[in-house]
PDB file of N, CA and C in Angstrom:
ATOM      1  N   UNK A   1       4.837 -26.836  18.810  1.00  0.00           N
ATOM      2  CA  UNK A   1       3.362 -26.957  18.576  1.00  0.00           C
ATOM      3  C   UNK A   1       2.672 -25.566  18.404  1.00  0.00           C
ATOM      4  N   UNK A   2       1.773 -25.316  17.849  1.00  0.00           N
ATOM      5  CA  UNK A   2       1.015 -24.202  17.667  1.00  0.00           C
ATOM      6  C   UNK A   2      -0.500 -24.361  17.500  1.00  0.00           C
ATOM      7  N   UNK A   3      -1.445 -23.524  17.878  1.00  0.00           N
ATOM      8  CA  UNK A   3      -2.800 -23.523  17.621  1.00  0.00           C
ATOM      9  C   UNK A   3      -2.904 -23.004  16.270  1.00  0.00           C
ATOM     10  N   UNK A   4      -3.746 -23.492  15.298  1.00  0.00           N
ATOM     11  CA  UNK A   4      -3.801 -22.872  13.889  1.00  0.00           C
ATOM     12  C   UNK A   4      -5.376 -22.755  13.729  1.00  0.00           C
ATOM     13  N   UNK A   5      -6.218 -23.360  14.174  1.00  0.00           N
ATOM     14  CA  UNK A   5      -7.730 -23.105  13.813  1.00  0.00           C
ATOM     15  C   UNK A   5      -8.470 -23.295  15.011  1.00  0.00           C
ATOM     16  N   UNK A   6      -9.566 -22.400  15.082  1.00  0.00           N
ATOM     17  CA  UNK A   6     -10.517 -22.313  16.053  1.00  0.00           C
ATOM     18  C   UNK A   6     -11.869 -22.476  15.220  1.00  0.00           C
ATOM     19  N   UNK A   7     -12.655 -23.432  15.762  1.00  0.00           N
ATOM     20  CA  UNK A   7     -14.110 -23.468  14.808  1.00  0.00           C
ATOM     21  C   UNK A   7     -15.095 -23.120  15.886  1.00  0.00           C
ATOM     22  N   UNK A   8     -15.998 -22.237  15.276  1.00  0.00           N
ATOM     23  CA  UNK A   8     -16.989 -21.823  15.992  1.00  0.00           C
ATOM     24  C   UNK A   8     -18.367 -22.177  15.396  1.00  0.00           C
ATOM     25  N   UNK A   9     -19.162 -22.863  16.320  1.00  0.00           N
ATOM     26  CA  UNK A   9     -20.506 -23.501  15.668  1.00  0.00           C
ATOM     27  C   UNK A   9     -21.372 -22.189  15.605  1.00  0.00           C
ATOM     28  N   UNK A  10     -22.151 -22.261  14.418  1.00  0.00           N
ATOM     29  CA  UNK A  10     -22.992 -21.098  13.980  1.00  0.00           C
ATOM     30  C   UNK A  10     -24.133 -21.573  13.497  1.00  0.00           C
ATOM     31  N   UNK A  11     -25.251 -20.728  13.839  1.00  0.00           N
ATOM     32  CA  UNK A  11     -26.602 -21.129  13.327  1.00  0.00           C
ATOM     33  C   UNK A  11     -26.799 -20.735  11.798  1.00  0.00           C
ATOM     34  N   UNK A  12     -26.178 -19.949  11.292  1.00  0.00           N
ATOM     35  CA  UNK A  12     -26.176 -19.256   9.972  1.00  0.00           C
ATOM     36  C   UNK A  12     -24.915 -18.788   9.362  1.00  0.00           C
ATOM     37  N   UNK A  13     -24.225 -19.490   8.557  1.00  0.00           N
ATOM     38  CA  UNK A  13     -22.855 -19.233   7.934  1.00  0.00           C
ATOM     39  C   UNK A  13     -22.851 -17.842   7.574  1.00  0.00           C
ATOM     40  N   UNK A  14     -24.129 -17.440   6.876  1.00  0.00           N
ATOM     41  CA  UNK A  14     -24.124 -16.019   6.066  1.00  0.00           C
ATOM     42  C   UNK A  14     -24.176 -15.054   7.236  1.00  0.00           C
ATOM     43  N   UNK A  15     -24.952 -15.224   8.340  1.00  0.00           N
ATOM     44  CA  UNK A  15     -24.852 -14.038   9.282  1.00  0.00           C
ATOM     45  C   UNK A  15     -23.539 -13.974  10.052  1.00  0.00           C
ATOM     46  N   UNK A  16     -22.978 -15.244  10.133  1.00  0.00           N
ATOM     47  CA  UNK A  16     -21.658 -15.137  10.991  1.00  0.00           C
ATOM     48  C   UNK A  16     -20.694 -14.672  10.003  1.00  0.00           C
ATOM     49  N   UNK A  17     -20.568 -14.763   8.656  1.00  0.00           N
ATOM     50  CA  UNK A  17     -19.718 -14.074   7.785  1.00  0.00           C
ATOM     51  C   UNK A  17     -20.090 -12.680   7.759  1.00  0.00           C
ATOM     52  N   UNK A  18     -21.183 -12.131   7.915  1.00  0.00           N
ATOM     53  CA  UNK A  18     -21.438 -10.727   7.855  1.00  0.00           C
ATOM     54  C   UNK A  18     -20.794 -10.205   9.272  1.00  0.00           C
ATOM     55  N   UNK A  19     -21.279 -10.715  10.383  1.00  0.00           N
ATOM     56  CA  UNK A  19     -20.870 -10.346  11.516  1.00  0.00           C
ATOM     57  C   UNK A  19     -19.136 -10.288  11.814  1.00  0.00           C
ATOM     58  N   UNK A  20     -18.541 -11.282  11.538  1.00  0.00           N
ATOM     59  CA  UNK A  20     -17.087 -11.466  11.669  1.00  0.00           C
ATOM     60  C   UNK A  20     -16.390 -10.648  10.499  1.00  0.00           C
ATOM     61  N   UNK A  21     -17.072 -10.493   9.530  1.00  0.00           N
ATOM     62  CA  UNK A  21     -16.533  -9.699   8.477  1.00  0.00           C
ATOM     63  C   UNK A  21     -16.397  -8.174   8.814  1.00  0.00           C
ATOM     64  N   UNK A  22     -17.661  -7.673   9.631  1.00  0.00           N
ATOM     65  CA  UNK A  22     -17.497  -6.392  10.016  1.00  0.00           C
ATOM     66  C   UNK A  22     -16.608  -5.990  11.126  1.00  0.00           C
ATOM     67  N   UNK A  23     -16.683  -6.946  12.054  1.00  0.00           N
ATOM     68  CA  UNK A  23     -15.699  -6.955  13.420  1.00  0.00           C
ATOM     69  C   UNK A  23     -14.342  -7.013  13.057  1.00  0.00           C
ATOM     70  N   UNK A  24     -13.876  -7.961  12.123  1.00  0.00           N
ATOM     71  CA  UNK A  24     -12.384  -8.223  11.895  1.00  0.00           C
ATOM     72  C   UNK A  24     -11.971  -7.397  10.579  1.00  0.00           C
ATOM     73  N   UNK A  25     -13.052  -6.636   9.846  1.00  0.00           N
ATOM     74  CA  UNK A  25     -12.717  -5.651   8.933  1.00  0.00           C
ATOM     75  C   UNK A  25     -11.973  -6.652   7.835  1.00  0.00           C
ATOM     76  N   UNK A  26     -12.514  -7.754   7.432  1.00  0.00           N
ATOM     77  CA  UNK A  26     -12.148  -8.572   6.158  1.00  0.00           C
ATOM     78  C   UNK A  26     -13.184  -9.476   5.861  1.00  0.00           C
ATOM     79  N   UNK A  27     -13.180  -9.756   4.402  1.00  0.00           N
ATOM     80  CA  UNK A  27     -14.099 -10.394   3.870  1.00  0.00           C
ATOM     81  C   UNK A  27     -14.252 -11.957   4.114  1.00  0.00           C
ATOM     82  N   UNK A  28     -12.953 -12.382   4.512  1.00  0.00           N
ATOM     83  CA  UNK A  28     -12.817 -13.958   4.797  1.00  0.00           C
ATOM     84  C   UNK A  28     -13.129 -14.540   3.619  1.00  0.00           C
ATOM     85  N   UNK A  29     -13.286 -15.996   3.744  1.00  0.00           N
ATOM     86  CA  UNK A  29     -13.224 -16.868   2.612  1.00  0.00           C
ATOM     87  C   UNK A  29     -14.281 -18.025   2.778  1.00  0.00           C
ATOM     88  N   UNK A  30     -15.199 -18.228   1.850  1.00  0.00           N
ATOM     89  CA  UNK A  30     -16.154 -19.221   2.055  1.00  0.00           C
ATOM     90  C   UNK A  30     -15.468 -20.545   1.435  1.00  0.00           C
ATOM     91  N   UNK A  31     -15.169 -21.342   2.493  1.00  0.00           N
ATOM     92  CA  UNK A  31     -14.418 -22.516   2.070  1.00  0.00           C
ATOM     93  C   UNK A  31     -15.309 -23.716   1.698  1.00  0.00           C
ATOM     94  N   UNK A  32     -16.590 -23.741   2.191  1.00  0.00           N
ATOM     95  CA  UNK A  32     -17.611 -24.665   1.952  1.00  0.00           C
ATOM     96  C   UNK A  32     -18.865 -23.965   2.167  1.00  0.00           C
ATOM     97  N   UNK A  33     -19.807 -24.573   1.643  1.00  0.00           N
ATOM     98  CA  UNK A  33     -21.071 -24.220   1.769  1.00  0.00           C
ATOM     99  C   UNK A  33     -21.675 -23.792   3.163  1.00  0.00           C
ATOM    100  N   UNK A  34     -21.017 -24.683   3.976  1.00  0.00           N
ATOM    101  CA  UNK A  34     -21.390 -24.507   5.557  1.00  0.00           C
ATOM    102  C   UNK A  34     -20.330 -23.874   6.307  1.00  0.00           C
ATOM    103  N   UNK A  35     -19.236 -23.360   5.683  1.00  0.00           N
ATOM    104  CA  UNK A  35     -18.042 -22.914   6.422  1.00  0.00           C
ATOM    105  C   UNK A  35     -17.523 -21.601   5.955  1.00  0.00           C
ATOM    106  N   UNK A  36     -17.155 -20.660   6.804  1.00  0.00           N
ATOM    107  CA  UNK A  36     -16.642 -19.276   6.186  1.00  0.00           C
ATOM    108  C   UNK A  36     -15.325 -19.126   7.274  1.00  0.00           C
ATOM    109  N   UNK A  37     -14.179 -18.628   6.542  1.00  0.00           N
ATOM    110  CA  UNK A  37     -12.992 -18.524   7.576  1.00  0.00           C
ATOM    111  C   UNK A  37     -12.492 -17.486   7.356  1.00  0.00           C
ATOM    112  N   UNK A  38     -11.867 -16.927   8.453  1.00  0.00           N
ATOM    113  CA  UNK A  38     -11.162 -15.707   8.650  1.00  0.00           C
ATOM    114  C   UNK A  38      -9.603 -15.891   9.091  1.00  0.00           C
ATOM    115  N   UNK A  39      -8.645 -15.180   8.551  1.00  0.00           N
ATOM    116  CA  UNK A  39      -7.389 -15.214   9.176  1.00  0.00           C
ATOM    117  C   UNK A  39      -7.205 -14.369  10.278  1.00  0.00           C
ATOM    118  N   UNK A  40      -6.816 -14.835  11.325  1.00  0.00           N
ATOM    119  CA  UNK A  40      -6.592 -13.831  12.623  1.00  0.00           C
ATOM    120  C   UNK A  40      -5.295 -13.932  13.152  1.00  0.00           C
ATOM    121  N   UNK A  41      -4.303 -13.217  12.851  1.00  0.00           N
ATOM    122  CA  UNK A  41      -3.061 -13.523  12.967  1.00  0.00           C
ATOM    123  C   UNK A  41      -2.496 -14.745  12.294  1.00  0.00           C
ATOM    124  N   UNK A  42      -1.923 -15.652  13.105  1.00  0.00           N
ATOM    125  CA  UNK A  42      -1.491 -17.078  12.722  1.00  0.00           C
ATOM    126  C   UNK A  42      -2.591 -17.999  12.801  1.00  0.00           C
ATOM    127  N   UNK A  43      -3.782 -17.539  13.331  1.00  0.00           N
ATOM    128  CA  UNK A  43      -4.770 -18.713  13.639  1.00  0.00           C
ATOM    129  C   UNK A  43      -6.066 -18.315  12.501  1.00  0.00           C
ATOM    130  N   UNK A  44      -6.543 -19.390  12.172  1.00  0.00           N
ATOM    131  CA  UNK A  44      -7.836 -19.445  11.284  1.00  0.00           C
ATOM    132  C   UNK A  44      -9.030 -19.469  12.107  1.00  0.00           C
ATOM    133  N   UNK A  45      -9.869 -18.695  11.981  1.00  0.00           N
ATOM    134  CA  UNK A  45     -11.148 -18.566  12.673  1.00  0.00           C
ATOM    135  C   UNK A  45     -12.184 -19.234  11.622  1.00  0.00           C
ATOM    136  N   UNK A  46     -12.757 -20.395  11.918  1.00  0.00           N
ATOM    137  CA  UNK A  46     -13.691 -21.048  11.124  1.00  0.00           C
ATOM    138  C   UNK A  46     -15.107 -20.847  11.678  1.00  0.00           C
ATOM    139  N   UNK A  47     -16.186 -20.437  10.961  1.00  0.00           N
ATOM    140  CA  UNK A  47     -17.434 -20.300  11.355  1.00  0.00           C
ATOM    141  C   UNK A  47     -18.196 -21.604  10.512  1.00  0.00           C
ATOM    142  N   UNK A  48     -18.553 -22.525  11.247  1.00  0.00           N
ATOM    143  CA  UNK A  48     -19.187 -23.767  10.735  1.00  0.00           C
ATOM    144  C   UNK A  48     -20.742 -23.895  11.041  1.00  0.00           C
ATOM    145  N   UNK A  49     -21.511 -23.761  10.085  1.00  0.00           N
ATOM    146  CA  UNK A  49     -22.955 -23.893  10.314  1.00  0.00           C
ATOM    147  C   UNK A  49     -23.231 -25.294  10.801  1.00  0.00           C
ATOM    148  N   UNK A  50     -24.072 -25.378  11.899  1.00  0.00           N
ATOM    149  CA  UNK A  50     -24.418 -26.675  12.545  1.00  0.00           C
ATOM    150  C   UNK A  50     -25.729 -27.055  11.644  1.00  0.00           C
ATOM    151  N   UNK A  51     -25.730 -28.295  11.161  1.00  0.00           N
ATOM    152  CA  UNK A  51     -26.942 -28.733  10.560  1.00  0.00           C
ATOM    153  C   UNK A  51     -28.041 -29.086  11.543  1.00  0.00           C
ATOM    154  N   UNK A  52     -29.163 -28.854  11.085  1.00  0.00           N
ATOM    155  CA  UNK A  52     -30.518 -29.046  11.922  1.00  0.00           C
ATOM    156  C   UNK A  52     -30.657 -28.206  12.984  1.00  0.00           C
ATOM    157  N   UNK A  53     -30.334 -27.246  12.922  1.00  0.00           N
ATOM    158  CA  UNK A  53     -30.850 -26.096  13.899  1.00  0.00           C
ATOM    159  C   UNK A  53     -29.696 -25.219  14.602  1.00  0.00           C
ATOM    160  N   UNK A  54     -30.266 -24.670  15.772  1.00  0.00           N
ATOM    161  CA  UNK A  54     -29.324 -23.906  16.463  1.00  0.00           C
ATOM    162  C   UNK A  54     -28.293 -24.692  17.223  1.00  0.00           C
ATOM    163  N   UNK A  55     -26.943 -24.220  16.889  1.00  0.00           N
ATOM    164  CA  UNK A  55     -25.737 -24.799  17.816  1.00  0.00           C
ATOM    165  C   UNK A  55     -25.784 -24.582  19.148  1.00  0.00           C
ATOM    166  N   UNK A  56     -25.114 -25.375  19.951  1.00  0.00           N
ATOM    167  CA  UNK A  56     -24.866 -25.036  21.464  1.00  0.00           C
ATOM    168  C   UNK A  56     -23.714 -24.129  21.317  1.00  0.00           C
ATOM    169  N   UNK A  57     -23.927 -22.912  21.868  1.00  0.00           N
ATOM    170  CA  UNK A  57     -22.823 -21.755  21.616  1.00  0.00           C
ATOM    171  C   UNK A  57     -21.833 -22.175  22.570  1.00  0.00           C
ATOM    172  N   UNK A  58     -20.697 -21.530  22.325  1.00  0.00           N
ATOM    173  CA  UNK A  58     -19.462 -21.520  23.233  1.00  0.00           C
ATOM    174  C   UNK A  58     -19.764 -20.648  24.517  1.00  0.00           C
ATOM    175  N   UNK A  59     -19.766 -21.152  25.687  1.00  0.00           N
ATOM    176  CA  UNK A  59     -20.061 -20.356  26.979  1.00  0.00           C
ATOM    177  C   UNK A  59     -18.685 -19.744  27.385  1.00  0.00           C
ATOM    178  N   UNK A  60     -17.648 -20.176  27.168  1.00  0.00           N
ATOM    179  CA  UNK A  60     -16.355 -19.534  27.574  1.00  0.00           C
ATOM    180  C   UNK A  60     -15.826 -18.601  26.306  1.00  0.00           C
ATOM    181  N   UNK A  61     -15.552 -17.586  26.524  1.00  0.00           N
ATOM    182  CA  UNK A  61     -15.231 -16.763  25.435  1.00  0.00           C
ATOM    183  C   UNK A  61     -13.894 -16.985  24.581  1.00  0.00           C
ATOM    184  N   UNK A  62     -13.961 -16.679  23.419  1.00  0.00           N
ATOM    185  CA  UNK A  62     -12.819 -16.742  22.491  1.00  0.00           C
ATOM    186  C   UNK A  62     -12.249 -15.458  22.507  1.00  0.00           C
ATOM    187  N   UNK A  63     -11.019 -15.168  22.967  1.00  0.00           N
ATOM    188  CA  UNK A  63     -10.391 -13.908  23.170  1.00  0.00           C
ATOM    189  C   UNK A  63      -9.776 -13.498  22.123  1.00  0.00           C
ATOM    190  N   UNK A  64      -9.680 -12.166  21.847  1.00  0.00           N
ATOM    191  CA  UNK A  64      -8.952 -11.552  20.699  1.00  0.00           C
ATOM    192  C   UNK A  64      -8.062 -10.363  21.327  1.00  0.00           C
ATOM    193  N   UNK A  65      -6.868 -10.264  21.097  1.00  0.00           N
ATOM    194  CA  UNK A  65      -5.947  -9.195  21.588  1.00  0.00           C
ATOM    195  C   UNK A  65      -6.020  -8.052  20.337  1.00  0.00           C
ATOM    196  N   UNK A  66      -6.451  -6.922  20.761  1.00  0.00           N
ATOM    197  CA  UNK A  66      -6.549  -5.849  19.736  1.00  0.00           C
ATOM    198  C   UNK A  66      -5.947  -4.573  20.140  1.00  0.00           C
ATOM    199  N   UNK A  67      -5.668  -3.889  19.308  1.00  0.00           N
ATOM    200  CA  UNK A  67      -4.709  -2.433  19.458  1.00  0.00           C
ATOM    201  C   UNK A  67      -5.589  -1.398  19.853  1.00  0.00           C
ATOM    202  N   UNK A  68      -6.993  -1.176  19.449  1.00  0.00           N
ATOM    203  CA  UNK A  68      -7.844  -0.285  19.726  1.00  0.00           C
ATOM    204  C   UNK A  68      -9.199  -0.852  20.104  1.00  0.00           C
ATOM    205  N   UNK A  69      -9.307  -1.020  21.357  1.00  0.00           N
ATOM    206  CA  UNK A  69     -10.478  -1.487  22.087  1.00  0.00           C
ATOM    207  C   UNK A  69     -11.592  -0.894  21.933  1.00  0.00           C
ATOM    208  N   UNK A  70     -11.611   0.560  21.913  1.00  0.00           N
ATOM    209  CA  UNK A  70     -12.804   1.352  21.694  1.00  0.00           C
ATOM    210  C   UNK A  70     -13.301   1.077  20.031  1.00  0.00           C
ATOM    211  N   UNK A  71     -12.356   1.120  19.293  1.00  0.00           N
ATOM    212  CA  UNK A  71     -12.848   0.884  17.802  1.00  0.00           C
ATOM    213  C   UNK A  71     -13.377  -0.458  17.588  1.00  0.00           C
ATOM    214  N   UNK A  72     -12.865  -1.473  18.233  1.00  0.00           N
ATOM    215  CA  UNK A  72     -13.510  -2.858  18.056  1.00  0.00           C
ATOM    216  C   UNK A  72     -14.954  -2.953  18.768  1.00  0.00           C
ATOM    217  N   UNK A  73     -15.109  -2.185  19.831  1.00  0.00           N
ATOM    218  CA  UNK A  73     -16.289  -2.244  20.559  1.00  0.00           C
ATOM    219  C   UNK A  73     -17.336  -1.491  19.512  1.00  0.00           C
ATOM    220  N   UNK A  74     -17.020  -0.616  18.946  1.00  0.00           N
ATOM    221  CA  UNK A  74     -17.860   0.010  17.774  1.00  0.00           C
ATOM    222  C   UNK A  74     -18.024  -0.819  16.632  1.00  0.00           C
ATOM    223  N   UNK A  75     -17.113  -1.552  16.160  1.00  0.00           N
ATOM    224  CA  UNK A  75     -17.311  -2.487  15.208  1.00  0.00           C
ATOM    225  C   UNK A  75     -18.370  -3.477  15.567  1.00  0.00           C
ATOM    226  N   UNK A  76     -18.231  -3.976  16.795  1.00  0.00           N
ATOM    227  CA  UNK A  76     -19.180  -5.038  17.373  1.00  0.00           C
ATOM    228  C   UNK A  76     -20.599  -4.356  17.398  1.00  0.00           C
ATOM    229  N   UNK A  77     -20.765  -3.220  17.695  1.00  0.00           N
ATOM    230  CA  UNK A  77     -22.126  -2.646  17.568  1.00  0.00           C
ATOM    231  C   UNK A  77     -22.548  -2.366  16.157  1.00  0.00           C
ATOM    232  N   UNK A  78     -21.523  -1.922  15.318  1.00  0.00           N
ATOM    233  CA  UNK A  78     -21.886  -1.813  13.826  1.00  0.00           C
ATOM    234  C   UNK A  78     -22.248  -3.221  13.159  1.00  0.00           C
ATOM    235  N   UNK A  79     -21.903  -4.328  13.796  1.00  0.00           N
ATOM    236  CA  UNK A  79     -22.396  -5.533  13.275  1.00  0.00           C
ATOM    237  C   UNK A  79     -23.410  -6.083  13.529  1.00  0.00           C
ATOM    238  N   UNK A  80     -24.142  -5.327  14.436  1.00  0.00           N
ATOM    239  CA  UNK A  80     -25.541  -5.541  14.862  1.00  0.00           C
ATOM    240  C   UNK A  80     -25.569  -6.115  16.373  1.00  0.00           C
ATOM    241  N   UNK A  81     -24.638  -6.386  17.080  1.00  0.00           N
ATOM    242  CA  UNK A  81     -24.545  -7.066  18.377  1.00  0.00           C
ATOM    243  C   UNK A  81     -25.137  -5.815  19.363  1.00  0.00           C
ATOM    244  N   UNK A  82     -26.313  -6.299  20.169  1.00  0.00           N
ATOM    245  CA  UNK A  82     -26.637  -5.401  21.080  1.00  0.00           C
ATOM    246  C   UNK A  82     -26.234  -5.651  22.470  1.00  0.00           C
ATOM    247  N   UNK A  83     -25.232  -6.666  22.599  1.00  0.00           N
ATOM    248  CA  UNK A  83     -24.640  -7.230  23.805  1.00  0.00           C
ATOM    249  C   UNK A  83     -23.359  -6.704  24.386  1.00  0.00           C
ATOM    250  N   UNK A  84     -22.569  -6.052  23.550  1.00  0.00           N
ATOM    251  CA  UNK A  84     -21.155  -5.677  24.342  1.00  0.00           C
ATOM    252  C   UNK A  84     -21.127  -4.945  25.553  1.00  0.00           C
ATOM    253  N   UNK A  85     -20.443  -5.549  26.359  1.00  0.00           N
ATOM    254  CA  UNK A  85     -20.432  -4.936  27.868  1.00  0.00           C
ATOM    255  C   UNK A  85     -19.661  -3.762  27.616  1.00  0.00           C
ATOM    256  N   UNK A  86     -19.666  -2.839  28.884  1.00  0.00           N
ATOM    257  CA  UNK A  86     -18.651  -1.778  28.788  1.00  0.00           C
ATOM    258  C   UNK A  86     -17.382  -2.303  28.933  1.00  0.00           C
ATOM    259  N   UNK A  87     -16.241  -1.447  28.617  1.00  0.00           N
ATOM    260  CA  UNK A  87     -14.828  -1.892  28.826  1.00  0.00           C
ATOM    261  C   UNK A  87     -14.761  -1.783  30.222  1.00  0.00           C
ATOM    262  N   UNK A  88     -14.054  -2.881  30.679  1.00  0.00           N
ATOM    263  CA  UNK A  88     -13.714  -3.017  32.140  1.00  0.00           C
ATOM    264  C   UNK A  88     -12.258  -3.199  32.360  1.00  0.00           C
ATOM    265  N   UNK A  89     -11.649  -2.928  33.400  1.00  0.00           N
ATOM    266  CA  UNK A  89     -10.294  -3.111  33.795  1.00  0.00           C
ATOM    267  C   UNK A  89     -10.176  -3.983  34.880  1.00  0.00           C
ATOM    268  N   UNK A  90      -9.605  -5.141  34.783  1.00  0.00           N
ATOM    269  CA  UNK A  90      -9.323  -6.192  35.689  1.00  0.00           C
ATOM    270  C   UNK A  90      -8.250  -5.664  36.703  1.00  0.00           C
ATOM    271  N   UNK A  91      -8.248  -6.349  37.820  1.00  0.00           N
ATOM    272  CA  UNK A  91      -7.186  -6.015  38.802  1.00  0.00           C
ATOM    273  C   UNK A  91      -5.873  -6.132  38.388  1.00  0.00           C
ATOM    274  N   UNK A  92      -5.675  -7.183  37.415  1.00  0.00           N
ATOM    275  CA  UNK A  92      -4.398  -7.501  36.729  1.00  0.00           C
ATOM    276  C   UNK A  92      -3.924  -6.330  35.712  1.00  0.00           C
ATOM    277  N   UNK A  93      -4.954  -5.496  35.446  1.00  0.00           N
ATOM    278  CA  UNK A  93      -4.699  -4.468  34.415  1.00  0.00           C
ATOM    279  C   UNK A  93      -5.110  -4.623  33.159  1.00  0.00           C
ATOM    280  N   UNK A  94      -5.765  -5.884  32.947  1.00  0.00           N
ATOM    281  CA  UNK A  94      -6.108  -6.345  31.495  1.00  0.00           C
ATOM    282  C   UNK A  94      -7.657  -5.301  31.292  1.00  0.00           C
ATOM    283  N   UNK A  95      -7.567  -4.666  29.992  1.00  0.00           N
ATOM    284  CA  UNK A  95      -8.785  -3.945  29.718  1.00  0.00           C
ATOM    285  C   UNK A  95      -9.422  -4.845  28.683  1.00  0.00           C
ATOM    286  N   UNK A  96     -10.893  -4.806  28.762  1.00  0.00           N
ATOM    287  CA  UNK A  96     -11.557  -5.831  27.830  1.00  0.00           C
ATOM    288  C   UNK A  96     -13.089  -5.379  27.846  1.00  0.00           C
ATOM    289  N   UNK A  97     -13.692  -6.014  26.857  1.00  0.00           N
ATOM    290  CA  UNK A  97     -15.241  -6.035  26.887  1.00  0.00           C
ATOM    291  C   UNK A  97     -15.573  -7.327  26.361  1.00  0.00           C
ATOM    292  N   UNK A  98     -16.738  -7.843  26.786  1.00  0.00           N
ATOM    293  CA  UNK A  98     -17.358  -9.110  26.252  1.00  0.00           C
ATOM    294  C   UNK A  98     -18.527  -8.850  25.461  1.00  0.00           C
ATOM    295  N   UNK A  99     -18.833  -9.909  24.506  1.00  0.00           N
ATOM    296  CA  UNK A  99     -20.092  -9.661  23.566  1.00  0.00           C
ATOM    297  C   UNK A  99     -20.354 -11.337  23.096  1.00  0.00           C
ATOM    298  N   UNK A 100     -21.431 -11.516  22.585  1.00  0.00           N
ATOM    299  CA  UNK A 100     -21.843 -12.555  21.806  1.00  0.00           C
ATOM    300  C   UNK A 100     -22.000 -12.326  20.295  1.00  0.00           C
ATOM    301  N   UNK A 101     -21.746 -13.428  19.515  1.00  0.00           N
ATOM    302  CA  UNK A 101     -22.027 -13.289  18.215  1.00  0.00           C
ATOM    303  C   UNK A 101     -23.450 -13.648  17.806  1.00  0.00           C
ATOM    304  N   UNK A 102     -23.793 -13.705  16.599  1.00  0.00           N
ATOM    305  CA  UNK A 102     -25.383 -13.805  16.326  1.00  0.00           C
ATOM    306  C   UNK A 102     -25.771 -15.455  16.704  1.00  0.00           C
ATOM    307  N   UNK A 103     -25.056 -16.139  16.825  1.00  0.00           N
ATOM    308  CA  UNK A 103     -25.053 -17.620  17.455  1.00  0.00           C
ATOM    309  C   UNK A 103     -25.234 -17.721  18.824  1.00  0.00           C
ATOM    310  N   UNK A 104     -24.662 -16.578  19.547  1.00  0.00           N
ATOM    311  CA  UNK A 104     -24.536 -16.682  21.018  1.00  0.00           C
ATOM    312  C   UNK A 104     -23.300 -17.158  21.624  1.00  0.00           C
ATOM    313  N   UNK A 105     -22.181 -17.283  20.591  1.00  0.00           N
ATOM    314  CA  UNK A 105     -20.838 -17.576  21.019  1.00  0.00           C
ATOM    315  C   UNK A 105     -20.249 -16.417  21.829  1.00  0.00           C
ATOM    316  N   UNK A 106     -19.565 -16.830  23.165  1.00  0.00           N
ATOM    317  CA  UNK A 106     -19.061 -15.749  23.840  1.00  0.00           C
ATOM    318  C   UNK A 106     -17.731 -15.376  23.481  1.00  0.00           C
ATOM    319  N   UNK A 107     -17.644 -14.061  23.120  1.00  0.00           N
ATOM    320  CA  UNK A 107     -16.314 -13.500  22.673  1.00  0.00           C
ATOM    321  C   UNK A 107     -15.689 -12.391  23.692  1.00  0.00           C
ATOM    322  N   UNK A 108     -14.446 -12.130  23.785  1.00  0.00           N
ATOM    323  CA  UNK A 108     -13.871 -11.119  24.437  1.00  0.00           C
ATOM    324  C   UNK A 108     -12.765 -10.474  23.597  1.00  0.00           C
ATOM    325  N   UNK A 109     -12.837  -9.037  23.898  1.00  0.00           N
ATOM    326  CA  UNK A 109     -11.780  -8.439  23.044  1.00  0.00           C
ATOM    327  C   UNK A 109     -10.904  -7.660  24.235  1.00  0.00           C
ATOM    328  N   UNK A 110      -9.544  -7.914  23.969  1.00  0.00           N
ATOM    329  CA  UNK A 110      -8.651  -7.374  25.046  1.00  0.00           C
ATOM    330  C   UNK A 110      -7.604  -6.515  24.417  1.00  0.00           C
ATOM    331  N   UNK A 111      -7.542  -5.417  25.095  1.00  0.00           N
ATOM    332  CA  UNK A 111      -6.366  -4.367  24.616  1.00  0.00           C
ATOM    333  C   UNK A 111      -4.974  -5.178  24.564  1.00  0.00           C
ATOM    334  N   UNK A 112      -4.574  -5.078  23.392  1.00  0.00           N
ATOM    335  CA  UNK A 112      -3.166  -5.576  23.417  1.00  0.00           C
ATOM    336  C   UNK A 112      -2.223  -4.882  24.356  1.00  0.00           C
ATOM    337  N   UNK A 113      -1.377  -5.691  24.912  1.00  0.00           N
ATOM    338  CA  UNK A 113      -0.361  -5.346  25.951  1.00  0.00           C
ATOM    339  C   UNK A 113      -0.782  -5.269  27.319  1.00  0.00           C
ATOM    340  N   UNK A 114      -2.072  -5.373  27.445  1.00  0.00           N
ATOM    341  CA  UNK A 114      -2.808  -5.563  28.854  1.00  0.00           C
ATOM    342  C   UNK A 114      -3.235  -6.985  29.147  1.00  0.00           C
ATOM    343  N   UNK A 115      -2.965  -8.009  28.139  1.00  0.00           N
ATOM    344  CA  UNK A 115      -3.329  -9.309  28.315  1.00  0.00           C
ATOM    345  C   UNK A 115      -2.841 -10.037  29.660  1.00  0.00           C
ATOM    346  N   UNK A 116      -3.765 -10.507  30.203  1.00  0.00           N
ATOM    347  CA  UNK A 116      -3.264 -11.232  31.620  1.00  0.00           C
ATOM    348  C   UNK A 116      -2.824 -12.604  31.043  1.00  0.00           C
ATOM    349  N   UNK A 117      -1.605 -13.083  31.527  1.00  0.00           N
ATOM    350  CA  UNK A 117      -0.887 -14.213  30.895  1.00  0.00           C
ATOM    351  C   UNK A 117      -0.796 -15.291  32.102  1.00  0.00           C
ATOM    352  N   UNK A 118      -1.348 -15.118  33.239  1.00  0.00           N
ATOM    353  CA  UNK A 118      -1.444 -16.278  34.230  1.00  0.00           C
ATOM    354  C   UNK A 118      -2.817 -16.792  34.508  1.00  0.00           C
TER     355      UNK A 118
END
């Protein structure tokens, strides 16, 4: 078994495509008028616009393992997020920062190799 797709509810597919395009450094693909997809390793990240208003954002973070944590924090800032936390080091040694996307979905970026696995 494997996880192959994560779908994020978004208020605007256009703003989500710009945000994730900047953060992930890829254009992604508009697969439907209300959905934009990005390939993240072996998982597809779908941003799906919720009809009729603001979505209920994910409160628990979607976590990305990245090789250059400082670079990704800069990408999040460049994408227009004013919410990235400082980089923290957990007691387990995991290094990460948290932020939200334009729709308020919680995200976490973790330095690859420091991921907590328990």
